[in-house]
């Protein structure tokens, strides 16, 4: 696609069907196929009509199947934020929420597949008490444990609101905070640590392990021109106070990945406005010193276009980063060879 500096293929265009499809989540299954899910349904989000769509590719992301409804709920919205492949079976994190209170009453569930993502089990509650947060991309730490960034809303005013919240203004009364969930092989239980707050609403956090035990978290801070950061030096058990770290923020989703001492940040590197159309300059930054500096800044976009909400994984067999991104109507699968980002 001429929009991009890298190999890119259209996953789907919902302009004339669903109208919009948000927040792609991309993963490779054991049979080599790719699966990508989306938040869609209704006229916007949050709405109780929100659903999870899913598409698949059997030719490494060149062509994709027609979208199918994977999860829906008759009374609540249902959407997916993560496809975790670090377990024995691929595991999706599915959320429901009541749009009347925006994301205040979110609940997290798990769905599993034992046939390379062709079918998925009915979602069941995330084990343990920490099942009412928004769960993001999980990682497997160097000690073998699982770690999932999570954020949640807290009611600090307007417990019994008089009007249905229709804008982000309500976040001032129900601010989001960040932490992590710890899990072990099999997902028998999850427990929460961390309580990161700021003068801004913190959300859509992402984590990477810089070296054994040292985990870095970046957070979207709504209304702030910088991302917030926190570090843990004990595998995510305790966290330093969150602080603005100087990385520009488009008030949009960001993603961290790690590989052999390198950390990759995928984000809108030079935001123009906080509005959706200002989420431009989608880029990959690479750090080799724990995010103290950036050795590579690779611009994914060839044109000045809004493209955002990346989700990605590193493919060691194919020596490439695979990324899904969207502009709310069109979604793309990007492939960036490792050799474009560093010397192999």
C-alpha atoms as a PDB file:
ATOM      1  CA  UNK A   1       0.000   0.000   0.000  1.00  0.00           C
ATOM      2  CA  UNK A   2       1.300   3.469  -0.894  1.00  0.00           C
ATOM      3  CA  UNK A   3       0.245   4.704   2.531  1.00  0.00           C
ATOM      4  CA  UNK A   4       3.116   2.856   4.188  1.00  0.00           C
ATOM      5  CA  UNK A   5       6.896   2.550   4.043  1.00  0.00           C
ATOM      6  CA  UNK A   6       6.642  -1.179   4.747  1.00  0.00           C
ATOM      7  CA  UNK A   7       4.751  -4.137   3.296  1.00  0.00           C
ATOM      8  CA  UNK A   8       1.085  -3.668   4.109  1.00  0.00           C
ATOM      9  CA  UNK A   9      -2.148  -5.409   3.196  1.00  0.00           C
ATOM     10  CA  UNK A  10      -5.752  -4.400   3.825  1.00  0.00           C
ATOM     11  CA  UNK A  11      -7.381  -6.564   6.469  1.00  0.00           C
ATOM     12  CA  UNK A  12     -10.859  -5.151   5.937  1.00  0.00           C
ATOM     13  CA  UNK A  13     -12.805  -2.011   5.051  1.00  0.00           C
ATOM     14  CA  UNK A  14     -16.095  -1.613   6.896  1.00  0.00           C
ATOM     15  CA  UNK A  15     -17.072   1.777   5.459  1.00  0.00           C
ATOM     16  CA  UNK A  16     -20.137   0.315   3.751  1.00  0.00           C
ATOM     17  CA  UNK A  17     -20.950  -2.477   6.193  1.00  0.00           C
ATOM     18  CA  UNK A  18     -20.382  -2.119   9.926  1.00  0.00           C
ATOM     19  CA  UNK A  19     -19.414   1.541   9.566  1.00  0.00           C
ATOM     20  CA  UNK A  20     -16.448   1.276  11.884  1.00  0.00           C
ATOM     21  CA  UNK A  21     -14.118  -1.318  13.407  1.00  0.00           C
ATOM     22  CA  UNK A  22     -11.748  -0.336  16.200  1.00  0.00           C
ATOM     23  CA  UNK A  23      -8.800  -1.687  18.182  1.00  0.00           C
ATOM     24  CA  UNK A  24      -7.470  -4.618  16.121  1.00  0.00           C
ATOM     25  CA  UNK A  25      -5.826  -7.430  18.090  1.00  0.00           C
ATOM     26  CA  UNK A  26      -3.457  -9.573  16.017  1.00  0.00           C
ATOM     27  CA  UNK A  27      -1.914 -12.975  16.758  1.00  0.00           C
ATOM     28  CA  UNK A  28      -0.401 -15.964  14.977  1.00  0.00           C
ATOM     29  CA  UNK A  29      -1.870 -19.380  15.647  1.00  0.00           C
ATOM     30  CA  UNK A  30       0.006 -22.689  15.898  1.00  0.00           C
ATOM     31  CA  UNK A  31      -0.854 -23.680  12.327  1.00  0.00           C
ATOM     32  CA  UNK A  32       0.788 -20.504  10.978  1.00  0.00           C
ATOM     33  CA  UNK A  33      -2.457 -18.650  10.285  1.00  0.00           C
ATOM     34  CA  UNK A  34      -3.176 -15.137  11.543  1.00  0.00           C
ATOM     35  CA  UNK A  35      -6.260 -14.038  13.431  1.00  0.00           C
ATOM     36  CA  UNK A  36      -7.385 -10.471  14.081  1.00  0.00           C
ATOM     37  CA  UNK A  37     -10.289  -9.274  16.202  1.00  0.00           C
ATOM     38  CA  UNK A  38     -12.048  -5.890  16.277  1.00  0.00           C
ATOM     39  CA  UNK A  39     -14.475  -3.868  18.349  1.00  0.00           C
ATOM     40  CA  UNK A  40     -17.498  -3.079  16.173  1.00  0.00           C
ATOM     41  CA  UNK A  41     -21.302  -3.080  16.268  1.00  0.00           C
ATOM     42  CA  UNK A  42     -23.714  -0.296  17.134  1.00  0.00           C
ATOM     43  CA  UNK A  43     -23.083   3.270  15.996  1.00  0.00           C
ATOM     44  CA  UNK A  44     -20.136   4.102  18.254  1.00  0.00           C
ATOM     45  CA  UNK A  45     -18.467   2.904  21.440  1.00  0.00           C
ATOM     46  CA  UNK A  46     -19.307   2.403  24.154  1.00  0.00           C
ATOM     47  CA  UNK A  47     -22.694   0.957  23.188  1.00  0.00           C
ATOM     48  CA  UNK A  48     -24.363  -2.161  24.470  1.00  0.00           C
ATOM     49  CA  UNK A  49     -24.518  -3.338  20.840  1.00  0.00           C
ATOM     50  CA  UNK A  50     -20.702  -3.481  20.590  1.00  0.00           C
ATOM     51  CA  UNK A  51     -19.440  -6.894  19.450  1.00  0.00           C
ATOM     52  CA  UNK A  52     -16.188  -8.687  18.651  1.00  0.00           C
ATOM     53  CA  UNK A  53     -15.531  -9.347  14.963  1.00  0.00           C
ATOM     54  CA  UNK A  54     -12.857 -11.815  13.840  1.00  0.00           C
ATOM     55  CA  UNK A  55     -11.055 -12.422  10.546  1.00  0.00           C
ATOM     56  CA  UNK A  56      -8.352 -14.928   9.556  1.00  0.00           C
ATOM     57  CA  UNK A  57      -5.514 -15.109   7.045  1.00  0.00           C
ATOM     58  CA  UNK A  58      -3.845 -18.272   5.748  1.00  0.00           C
ATOM     59  CA  UNK A  59      -1.297 -16.540   3.486  1.00  0.00           C
ATOM     60  CA  UNK A  60       0.655 -14.513   6.052  1.00  0.00           C
ATOM     61  CA  UNK A  61      -1.675 -11.518   6.051  1.00  0.00           C
ATOM     62  CA  UNK A  62      -2.011 -10.946   2.292  1.00  0.00           C
ATOM     63  CA  UNK A  63      -5.704 -11.858   2.107  1.00  0.00           C
ATOM     64  CA  UNK A  64      -8.280 -12.109   4.859  1.00  0.00           C
ATOM     65  CA  UNK A  65     -11.601 -13.843   5.390  1.00  0.00           C
ATOM     66  CA  UNK A  66     -14.883 -11.997   5.667  1.00  0.00           C
ATOM     67  CA  UNK A  67     -15.573 -10.750   9.213  1.00  0.00           C
ATOM     68  CA  UNK A  68     -17.572 -13.014  11.489  1.00  0.00           C
ATOM     69  CA  UNK A  69     -19.182 -12.168  14.814  1.00  0.00           C
ATOM     70  CA  UNK A  70     -17.126 -14.009  17.409  1.00  0.00           C
ATOM     71  CA  UNK A  71     -18.576 -12.668  20.688  1.00  0.00           C
ATOM     72  CA  UNK A  72     -21.774 -10.814  21.466  1.00  0.00           C
ATOM     73  CA  UNK A  73     -23.922 -10.404  24.561  1.00  0.00           C
ATOM     74  CA  UNK A  74     -27.662  -9.825  24.542  1.00  0.00           C
ATOM     75  CA  UNK A  75     -27.514  -7.147  27.239  1.00  0.00           C
ATOM     76  CA  UNK A  76     -23.953  -5.809  27.327  1.00  0.00           C
ATOM     77  CA  UNK A  77     -21.145  -4.856  24.993  1.00  0.00           C
ATOM     78  CA  UNK A  78     -18.544  -7.559  24.273  1.00  0.00           C
ATOM     79  CA  UNK A  79     -15.086  -6.848  22.903  1.00  0.00           C
ATOM     80  CA  UNK A  80     -11.608  -8.362  22.952  1.00  0.00           C
ATOM     81  CA  UNK A  81      -8.380  -6.638  24.025  1.00  0.00           C
ATOM     82  CA  UNK A  82      -5.813  -9.443  23.894  1.00  0.00           C
ATOM     83  CA  UNK A  83      -5.025 -12.791  22.264  1.00  0.00           C
ATOM     84  CA  UNK A  84      -2.398 -14.345  24.524  1.00  0.00           C
ATOM     85  CA  UNK A  85      -0.234 -17.063  22.940  1.00  0.00           C
ATOM     86  CA  UNK A  86       2.083 -17.688  25.886  1.00  0.00           C
ATOM     87  CA  UNK A  87      -0.180 -20.383  27.322  1.00  0.00           C
ATOM     88  CA  UNK A  88      -0.668 -24.006  26.258  1.00  0.00           C
ATOM     89  CA  UNK A  89      -3.746 -22.937  24.299  1.00  0.00           C
ATOM     90  CA  UNK A  90      -4.362 -19.507  22.736  1.00  0.00           C
ATOM     91  CA  UNK A  91      -6.362 -17.390  25.157  1.00  0.00           C
ATOM     92  CA  UNK A  92      -8.549 -14.357  24.418  1.00  0.00           C
ATOM     93  CA  UNK A  93      -9.398 -11.738  27.010  1.00  0.00           C
ATOM     94  CA  UNK A  94     -13.013 -10.718  26.413  1.00  0.00           C
ATOM     95  CA  UNK A  95     -14.724  -7.851  28.219  1.00  0.00           C
ATOM     96  CA  UNK A  96     -18.320  -6.889  28.750  1.00  0.00           C
ATOM     97  CA  UNK A  97     -19.505  -3.498  29.923  1.00  0.00           C
ATOM     98  CA  UNK A  98     -22.759  -1.603  30.380  1.00  0.00           C
ATOM     99  CA  UNK A  99     -22.536   1.438  28.110  1.00  0.00           C
ATOM    100  CA  UNK A 100     -24.900   3.392  30.357  1.00  0.00           C
ATOM    101  CA  UNK A 101     -21.959   3.892  32.722  1.00  0.00           C
ATOM    102  CA  UNK A 102     -19.310   3.882  29.965  1.00  0.00           C
ATOM    103  CA  UNK A 103     -16.554   1.524  31.164  1.00  0.00           C
ATOM    104  CA  UNK A 104     -17.225   1.788  34.893  1.00  0.00           C
ATOM    105  CA  UNK A 105     -18.728  -1.694  35.178  1.00  0.00           C
ATOM    106  CA  UNK A 106     -16.336  -3.630  32.955  1.00  0.00           C
ATOM    107  CA  UNK A 107     -15.838  -7.363  33.550  1.00  0.00           C
ATOM    108  CA  UNK A 108     -13.049  -9.568  32.171  1.00  0.00           C
ATOM    109  CA  UNK A 109     -13.479 -13.105  30.824  1.00  0.00           C
ATOM    110  CA  UNK A 110     -11.255 -15.722  29.192  1.00  0.00           C
ATOM    111  CA  UNK A 111     -11.937 -17.790  26.072  1.00  0.00           C
ATOM    112  CA  UNK A 112      -9.711 -20.626  24.838  1.00  0.00           C
ATOM    113  CA  UNK A 113      -9.100 -22.410  21.551  1.00  0.00           C
ATOM    114  CA  UNK A 114      -7.725 -25.930  21.090  1.00  0.00           C
ATOM    115  CA  UNK A 115      -7.903 -25.897  17.272  1.00  0.00           C
ATOM    116  CA  UNK A 116      -5.582 -23.036  16.290  1.00  0.00           C
ATOM    117  CA  UNK A 117      -8.228 -20.367  16.666  1.00  0.00           C
ATOM    118  CA  UNK A 118     -10.888 -21.890  14.439  1.00  0.00           C
ATOM    119  CA  UNK A 119     -13.326 -22.077  17.353  1.00  0.00           C
ATOM    120  CA  UNK A 120     -13.331 -20.450  20.784  1.00  0.00           C
ATOM    121  CA  UNK A 121     -14.914 -21.525  24.061  1.00  0.00           C
ATOM    122  CA  UNK A 122     -17.681 -19.633  25.809  1.00  0.00           C
ATOM    123  CA  UNK A 123     -16.023 -16.898  27.903  1.00  0.00           C
ATOM    124  CA  UNK A 124     -15.632 -17.629  31.606  1.00  0.00           C
ATOM    125  CA  UNK A 125     -14.677 -15.258  34.402  1.00  0.00           C
ATOM    126  CA  UNK A 126     -11.015 -14.440  34.788  1.00  0.00           C
ATOM    127  CA  UNK A 127     -10.035 -16.472  37.900  1.00  0.00           C
ATOM    128  CA  UNK A 128      -9.643 -14.510  41.120  1.00  0.00           C
ATOM    129  CA  UNK A 129     -10.987 -11.258  42.424  1.00  0.00           C
ATOM    130  CA  UNK A 130      -9.182  -9.008  39.938  1.00  0.00           C
ATOM    131  CA  UNK A 131     -11.669  -9.531  37.104  1.00  0.00           C
ATOM    132  CA  UNK A 132     -13.073  -6.003  36.797  1.00  0.00           C
ATOM    133  CA  UNK A 133     -10.286  -4.272  34.924  1.00  0.00           C
ATOM    134  CA  UNK A 134      -9.415  -3.660  31.302  1.00  0.00           C
ATOM    135  CA  UNK A 135      -6.704  -6.222  30.491  1.00  0.00           C
ATOM    136  CA  UNK A 136      -4.085  -5.377  27.861  1.00  0.00           C
ATOM    137  CA  UNK A 137      -1.324  -7.255  25.983  1.00  0.00           C
ATOM    138  CA  UNK A 138       0.278  -9.891  28.190  1.00  0.00           C
ATOM    139  CA  UNK A 139       3.942 -10.887  28.302  1.00  0.00           C
ATOM    140  CA  UNK A 140       5.853 -13.903  29.581  1.00  0.00           C
ATOM    141  CA  UNK A 141       8.557 -12.739  31.990  1.00  0.00           C
ATOM    142  CA  UNK A 142      12.050 -14.190  32.162  1.00  0.00           C
ATOM    143  CA  UNK A 143      11.007 -16.172  35.261  1.00  0.00           C
ATOM    144  CA  UNK A 144       8.225 -17.849  33.287  1.00  0.00           C
ATOM    145  CA  UNK A 145       5.370 -15.978  34.966  1.00  0.00           C
ATOM    146  CA  UNK A 146       2.671 -14.081  33.074  1.00  0.00           C
ATOM    147  CA  UNK A 147       2.134 -10.350  33.416  1.00  0.00           C
ATOM    148  CA  UNK A 148      -0.792  -8.367  31.989  1.00  0.00           C
ATOM    149  CA  UNK A 149      -1.107  -4.568  32.185  1.00  0.00           C
ATOM    150  CA  UNK A 150      -4.524  -3.605  33.507  1.00  0.00           C
ATOM    151  CA  UNK A 151      -6.431  -0.409  34.239  1.00  0.00           C
ATOM    152  CA  UNK A 152      -9.764   0.304  35.879  1.00  0.00           C
ATOM    153  CA  UNK A 153     -12.138   3.152  36.683  1.00  0.00           C
ATOM    154  CA  UNK A 154     -12.735   4.298  40.250  1.00  0.00           C
ATOM    155  CA  UNK A 155     -15.883   6.114  41.318  1.00  0.00           C
ATOM    156  CA  UNK A 156     -14.859   9.207  43.293  1.00  0.00           C
ATOM    157  CA  UNK A 157     -17.923  11.345  42.647  1.00  0.00           C
ATOM    158  CA  UNK A 158     -21.406  10.901  41.120  1.00  0.00           C
ATOM    159  CA  UNK A 159     -21.951   7.362  42.348  1.00  0.00           C
ATOM    160  CA  UNK A 160     -25.644   7.688  41.415  1.00  0.00           C
ATOM    161  CA  UNK A 161     -25.357   9.821  38.278  1.00  0.00           C
ATOM    162  CA  UNK A 162     -28.401  11.760  37.104  1.00  0.00           C
ATOM    163  CA  UNK A 163     -27.762  11.595  33.377  1.00  0.00           C
ATOM    164  CA  UNK A 164     -26.194   8.882  31.252  1.00  0.00           C
ATOM    165  CA  UNK A 165     -22.528   9.850  30.679  1.00  0.00           C
ATOM    166  CA  UNK A 166     -21.977  10.622  26.996  1.00  0.00           C
ATOM    167  CA  UNK A 167     -18.469  12.062  26.947  1.00  0.00           C
ATOM    168  CA  UNK A 168     -15.022  11.629  28.450  1.00  0.00           C
ATOM    169  CA  UNK A 169     -15.819  14.381  30.944  1.00  0.00           C
ATOM    170  CA  UNK A 170     -17.031  11.631  33.252  1.00  0.00           C
ATOM    171  CA  UNK A 171     -13.427  10.405  33.567  1.00  0.00           C
ATOM    172  CA  UNK A 172     -12.827  13.333  35.884  1.00  0.00           C
ATOM    173  CA  UNK A 173     -15.268  11.783  38.343  1.00  0.00           C
ATOM    174  CA  UNK A 174     -14.436   8.138  37.520  1.00  0.00           C
ATOM    175  CA  UNK A 175     -10.687   8.287  36.796  1.00  0.00           C
ATOM    176  CA  UNK A 176      -8.703   5.338  35.506  1.00  0.00           C
ATOM    177  CA  UNK A 177      -5.715   3.925  37.381  1.00  0.00           C
ATOM    178  CA  UNK A 178      -3.102   1.390  36.269  1.00  0.00           C
ATOM    179  CA  UNK A 179      -1.545  -1.798  37.611  1.00  0.00           C
ATOM    180  CA  UNK A 180      -0.743  -5.324  36.466  1.00  0.00           C
ATOM    181  CA  UNK A 181      -2.160  -8.818  36.790  1.00  0.00           C
ATOM    182  CA  UNK A 182       0.156 -11.729  37.586  1.00  0.00           C
ATOM    183  CA  UNK A 183      -0.642 -15.212  36.349  1.00  0.00           C
ATOM    184  CA  UNK A 184       0.985 -18.596  36.058  1.00  0.00           C
ATOM    185  CA  UNK A 185       0.866 -21.375  33.461  1.00  0.00           C
ATOM    186  CA  UNK A 186      -2.672 -22.655  33.145  1.00  0.00           C
ATOM    187  CA  UNK A 187      -4.272 -19.419  34.279  1.00  0.00           C
ATOM    188  CA  UNK A 188      -5.546 -20.949  37.510  1.00  0.00           C
ATOM    189  CA  UNK A 189      -5.677 -17.556  39.193  1.00  0.00           C
ATOM    190  CA  UNK A 190      -4.624 -13.957  38.705  1.00  0.00           C
ATOM    191  CA  UNK A 191      -3.643 -11.394  41.281  1.00  0.00           C
ATOM    192  CA  UNK A 192      -3.238  -7.652  41.021  1.00  0.00           C
ATOM    193  CA  UNK A 193      -0.329  -5.416  42.046  1.00  0.00           C
ATOM    194  CA  UNK A 194       0.392  -1.752  41.460  1.00  0.00           C
ATOM    195  CA  UNK A 195      -1.725   1.323  41.979  1.00  0.00           C
ATOM    196  CA  UNK A 196      -0.531   4.033  39.607  1.00  0.00           C
ATOM    197  CA  UNK A 197      -2.313   7.365  39.535  1.00  0.00           C
ATOM    198  CA  UNK A 198      -1.584  10.833  38.164  1.00  0.00           C
ATOM    199  CA  UNK A 199      -3.196  14.247  37.740  1.00  0.00           C
ATOM    200  CA  UNK A 200      -4.334  12.800  34.388  1.00  0.00           C
ATOM    201  CA  UNK A 201      -6.475   9.772  33.629  1.00  0.00           C
ATOM    202  CA  UNK A 202      -4.119   6.818  33.052  1.00  0.00           C
ATOM    203  CA  UNK A 203      -5.226   4.103  30.649  1.00  0.00           C
ATOM    204  CA  UNK A 204      -4.234   1.692  27.869  1.00  0.00           C
ATOM    205  CA  UNK A 205      -0.991   0.755  29.580  1.00  0.00           C
ATOM    206  CA  UNK A 206       1.664  -1.513  28.070  1.00  0.00           C
ATOM    207  CA  UNK A 207       4.667  -3.338  29.545  1.00  0.00           C
ATOM    208  CA  UNK A 208       8.022  -4.756  28.465  1.00  0.00           C
ATOM    209  CA  UNK A 209      10.809  -6.471  30.395  1.00  0.00           C
ATOM    210  CA  UNK A 210      14.044  -4.548  29.789  1.00  0.00           C
ATOM    211  CA  UNK A 211      16.218  -7.087  31.655  1.00  0.00           C
ATOM    212  CA  UNK A 212      15.394  -9.892  34.100  1.00  0.00           C
ATOM    213  CA  UNK A 213      13.064  -8.456  36.734  1.00  0.00           C
ATOM    214  CA  UNK A 214      13.088  -4.897  35.331  1.00  0.00           C
ATOM    215  CA  UNK A 215       9.668  -4.208  33.819  1.00  0.00           C
ATOM    216  CA  UNK A 216       8.807  -0.862  32.225  1.00  0.00           C
ATOM    217  CA  UNK A 217       5.227   0.354  31.947  1.00  0.00           C
ATOM    218  CA  UNK A 218       4.076   3.166  29.668  1.00  0.00           C
ATOM    219  CA  UNK A 219       0.628   4.688  30.057  1.00  0.00           C
ATOM    220  CA  UNK A 220      -1.609   6.908  27.998  1.00  0.00           C
ATOM    221  CA  UNK A 221      -2.327   9.999  30.096  1.00  0.00           C
ATOM    222  CA  UNK A 222      -5.474  11.580  28.725  1.00  0.00           C
ATOM    223  CA  UNK A 223      -4.967  15.309  28.157  1.00  0.00           C
ATOM    224  CA  UNK A 224      -1.207  15.218  28.710  1.00  0.00           C
ATOM    225  CA  UNK A 225       1.257  15.849  25.876  1.00  0.00           C
ATOM    226  CA  UNK A 226       3.570  13.135  27.224  1.00  0.00           C
ATOM    227  CA  UNK A 227       3.246   9.468  28.057  1.00  0.00           C
ATOM    228  CA  UNK A 228       3.593   8.429  31.693  1.00  0.00           C
ATOM    229  CA  UNK A 229       6.095   5.805  32.813  1.00  0.00           C
ATOM    230  CA  UNK A 230       6.692   3.575  35.812  1.00  0.00           C
ATOM    231  CA  UNK A 231       9.422   0.989  36.491  1.00  0.00           C
ATOM    232  CA  UNK A 232       9.420  -2.208  38.529  1.00  0.00           C
ATOM    233  CA  UNK A 233      12.607  -4.022  39.510  1.00  0.00           C
ATOM    234  CA  UNK A 234      10.981  -7.100  41.059  1.00  0.00           C
ATOM    235  CA  UNK A 235       8.991  -8.599  38.174  1.00  0.00           C
ATOM    236  CA  UNK A 236       6.069  -6.197  38.608  1.00  0.00           C
ATOM    237  CA  UNK A 237       5.475  -6.751  42.318  1.00  0.00           C
ATOM    238  CA  UNK A 238       6.144  -3.100  43.251  1.00  0.00           C
ATOM    239  CA  UNK A 239       6.158  -0.008  41.069  1.00  0.00           C
ATOM    240  CA  UNK A 240       7.739   3.418  41.178  1.00  0.00           C
ATOM    241  CA  UNK A 241       5.495   6.463  41.145  1.00  0.00           C
ATOM    242  CA  UNK A 242       4.234   7.243  37.628  1.00  0.00           C
ATOM    243  CA  UNK A 243       5.822  10.277  35.960  1.00  0.00           C
ATOM    244  CA  UNK A 244       5.731  12.041  32.552  1.00  0.00           C
ATOM    245  CA  UNK A 245       8.637  10.624  30.557  1.00  0.00           C
ATOM    246  CA  UNK A 246       8.996  13.020  27.618  1.00  0.00           C
ATOM    247  CA  UNK A 247       7.676  10.689  24.911  1.00  0.00           C
ATOM    248  CA  UNK A 248       5.028  12.586  22.909  1.00  0.00           C
ATOM    249  CA  UNK A 249       1.456  11.406  23.352  1.00  0.00           C
ATOM    250  CA  UNK A 250      -1.464  11.474  20.943  1.00  0.00           C
ATOM    251  CA  UNK A 251      -3.825  10.349  23.729  1.00  0.00           C
ATOM    252  CA  UNK A 252      -4.072   7.056  21.883  1.00  0.00           C
ATOM    253  CA  UNK A 253      -3.077   3.432  22.318  1.00  0.00           C
ATOM    254  CA  UNK A 254       0.632   2.562  22.466  1.00  0.00           C
ATOM    255  CA  UNK A 255       2.455  -0.772  22.467  1.00  0.00           C
ATOM    256  CA  UNK A 256       5.765  -2.061  23.850  1.00  0.00           C
ATOM    257  CA  UNK A 257       7.584  -5.200  22.681  1.00  0.00           C
ATOM    258  CA  UNK A 258      10.949  -6.570  23.821  1.00  0.00           C
ATOM    259  CA  UNK A 259      13.597  -8.756  22.182  1.00  0.00           C
ATOM    260  CA  UNK A 260      17.117  -9.627  23.322  1.00  0.00           C
ATOM    261  CA  UNK A 261      17.806  -6.399  25.179  1.00  0.00           C
ATOM    262  CA  UNK A 262      15.877  -4.240  22.718  1.00  0.00           C
ATOM    263  CA  UNK A 263      12.558  -2.500  23.437  1.00  0.00           C
ATOM    264  CA  UNK A 264      10.229  -1.484  20.628  1.00  0.00           C
ATOM    265  CA  UNK A 265       7.654   1.265  21.080  1.00  0.00           C
ATOM    266  CA  UNK A 266       4.888   1.515  18.467  1.00  0.00           C
ATOM    267  CA  UNK A 267       2.972   4.782  18.737  1.00  0.00           C
ATOM    268  CA  UNK A 268       1.910   8.000  17.030  1.00  0.00           C
ATOM    269  CA  UNK A 269       5.257   9.733  17.314  1.00  0.00           C
ATOM    270  CA  UNK A 270       4.317  13.324  16.446  1.00  0.00           C
ATOM    271  CA  UNK A 271       0.676  13.911  17.320  1.00  0.00           C
ATOM    272  CA  UNK A 272      -1.023  16.984  15.882  1.00  0.00           C
ATOM    273  CA  UNK A 273      -4.113  17.107  18.089  1.00  0.00           C
ATOM    274  CA  UNK A 274      -5.786  14.901  20.674  1.00  0.00           C
ATOM    275  CA  UNK A 275      -8.624  14.263  18.241  1.00  0.00           C
ATOM    276  CA  UNK A 276      -8.733  11.031  16.263  1.00  0.00           C
ATOM    277  CA  UNK A 277      -7.690  12.749  13.024  1.00  0.00           C
ATOM    278  CA  UNK A 278      -4.543  14.016  14.765  1.00  0.00           C
ATOM    279  CA  UNK A 279      -3.262  10.513  15.499  1.00  0.00           C
ATOM    280  CA  UNK A 280      -0.671  10.555  12.719  1.00  0.00           C
ATOM    281  CA  UNK A 281       2.986   9.579  12.213  1.00  0.00           C
ATOM    282  CA  UNK A 282       2.604   5.982  13.336  1.00  0.00           C
ATOM    283  CA  UNK A 283       6.160   4.832  14.086  1.00  0.00           C
ATOM    284  CA  UNK A 284       8.392   2.216  15.668  1.00  0.00           C
ATOM    285  CA  UNK A 285      11.092   3.445  18.039  1.00  0.00           C
ATOM    286  CA  UNK A 286      13.817   1.050  19.163  1.00  0.00           C
ATOM    287  CA  UNK A 287      15.818   1.397  22.388  1.00  0.00           C
ATOM    288  CA  UNK A 288      18.803  -0.700  23.426  1.00  0.00           C
ATOM    289  CA  UNK A 289      19.376   0.895  26.840  1.00  0.00           C
ATOM    290  CA  UNK A 290      16.118   0.500  28.749  1.00  0.00           C
ATOM    291  CA  UNK A 291      14.397   3.409  26.990  1.00  0.00           C
ATOM    292  CA  UNK A 292      16.955   5.985  28.061  1.00  0.00           C
ATOM    293  CA  UNK A 293      17.572   6.710  24.365  1.00  0.00           C
ATOM    294  CA  UNK A 294      16.315   5.569  20.964  1.00  0.00           C
ATOM    295  CA  UNK A 295      18.707   4.092  18.398  1.00  0.00           C
ATOM    296  CA  UNK A 296      16.080   3.863  15.641  1.00  0.00           C
ATOM    297  CA  UNK A 297      12.976   5.842  14.803  1.00  0.00           C
ATOM    298  CA  UNK A 298      11.209   4.139  11.908  1.00  0.00           C
ATOM    299  CA  UNK A 299       8.233   5.950  10.370  1.00  0.00           C
ATOM    300  CA  UNK A 300       5.649   3.410   9.257  1.00  0.00           C
ATOM    301  CA  UNK A 301       3.642   5.919   7.225  1.00  0.00           C
ATOM    302  CA  UNK A 302       4.593   7.169   3.753  1.00  0.00           C
ATOM    303  CA  UNK A 303       1.815   9.768   3.746  1.00  0.00           C
ATOM    304  CA  UNK A 304       0.400  12.193   6.286  1.00  0.00           C
ATOM    305  CA  UNK A 305      -2.499   9.969   7.254  1.00  0.00           C
ATOM    306  CA  UNK A 306      -4.203   9.207  10.543  1.00  0.00           C
ATOM    307  CA  UNK A 307      -3.495   5.598  11.500  1.00  0.00           C
ATOM    308  CA  UNK A 308      -3.564   4.402  15.087  1.00  0.00           C
ATOM    309  CA  UNK A 309      -4.299   1.794  17.776  1.00  0.00           C
ATOM    310  CA  UNK A 310      -1.460  -0.615  16.918  1.00  0.00           C
ATOM    311  CA  UNK A 311      -1.282  -4.176  18.133  1.00  0.00           C
ATOM    312  CA  UNK A 312       1.749  -6.271  17.236  1.00  0.00           C
ATOM    313  CA  UNK A 313       3.935  -9.300  17.847  1.00  0.00           C
ATOM    314  CA  UNK A 314       7.507 -10.314  17.027  1.00  0.00           C
ATOM    315  CA  UNK A 315       7.908 -13.298  14.692  1.00  0.00           C
ATOM    316  CA  UNK A 316      11.304 -14.918  15.260  1.00  0.00           C
ATOM    317  CA  UNK A 317      10.852 -17.477  12.480  1.00  0.00           C
ATOM    318  CA  UNK A 318      10.091 -14.832   9.852  1.00  0.00           C
ATOM    319  CA  UNK A 319      12.383 -12.199  11.416  1.00  0.00           C
ATOM    320  CA  UNK A 320       9.741  -9.481  11.295  1.00  0.00           C
ATOM    321  CA  UNK A 321       7.374  -7.364  13.348  1.00  0.00           C
ATOM    322  CA  UNK A 322       3.708  -7.913  12.446  1.00  0.00           C
ATOM    323  CA  UNK A 323       1.408  -4.977  13.210  1.00  0.00           C
ATOM    324  CA  UNK A 324      -2.330  -4.374  12.904  1.00  0.00           C
ATOM    325  CA  UNK A 325      -3.543  -0.772  12.851  1.00  0.00           C
ATOM    326  CA  UNK A 326      -6.688   1.128  11.877  1.00  0.00           C
ATOM    327  CA  UNK A 327      -8.287   4.471  11.124  1.00  0.00           C
ATOM    328  CA  UNK A 328     -11.737   3.341  12.404  1.00  0.00           C
ATOM    329  CA  UNK A 329     -12.858   2.196   8.918  1.00  0.00           C
ATOM    330  CA  UNK A 330      -9.885   0.537   7.211  1.00  0.00           C
ATOM    331  CA  UNK A 331      -7.524  -1.840   8.986  1.00  0.00           C
ATOM    332  CA  UNK A 332      -4.130  -2.999   7.765  1.00  0.00           C
ATOM    333  CA  UNK A 333      -1.597  -5.724   8.490  1.00  0.00           C
ATOM    334  CA  UNK A 334       1.984  -4.391   8.325  1.00  0.00           C
ATOM    335  CA  UNK A 335       5.201  -6.399   8.122  1.00  0.00           C
ATOM    336  CA  UNK A 336       8.515  -4.784   9.103  1.00  0.00           C
ATOM    337  CA  UNK A 337      11.663  -6.945   8.772  1.00  0.00           C
ATOM    338  CA  UNK A 338      14.008  -6.872  11.756  1.00  0.00           C
ATOM    339  CA  UNK A 339      16.817  -5.762   9.406  1.00  0.00           C
ATOM    340  CA  UNK A 340      14.961  -2.465   8.861  1.00  0.00           C
ATOM    341  CA  UNK A 341      15.175  -1.732  12.586  1.00  0.00           C
ATOM    342  CA  UNK A 342      18.592  -3.115  13.629  1.00  0.00           C
ATOM    343  CA  UNK A 343      21.521  -5.132  12.354  1.00  0.00           C
ATOM    344  CA  UNK A 344      20.922  -8.857  12.742  1.00  0.00           C
END
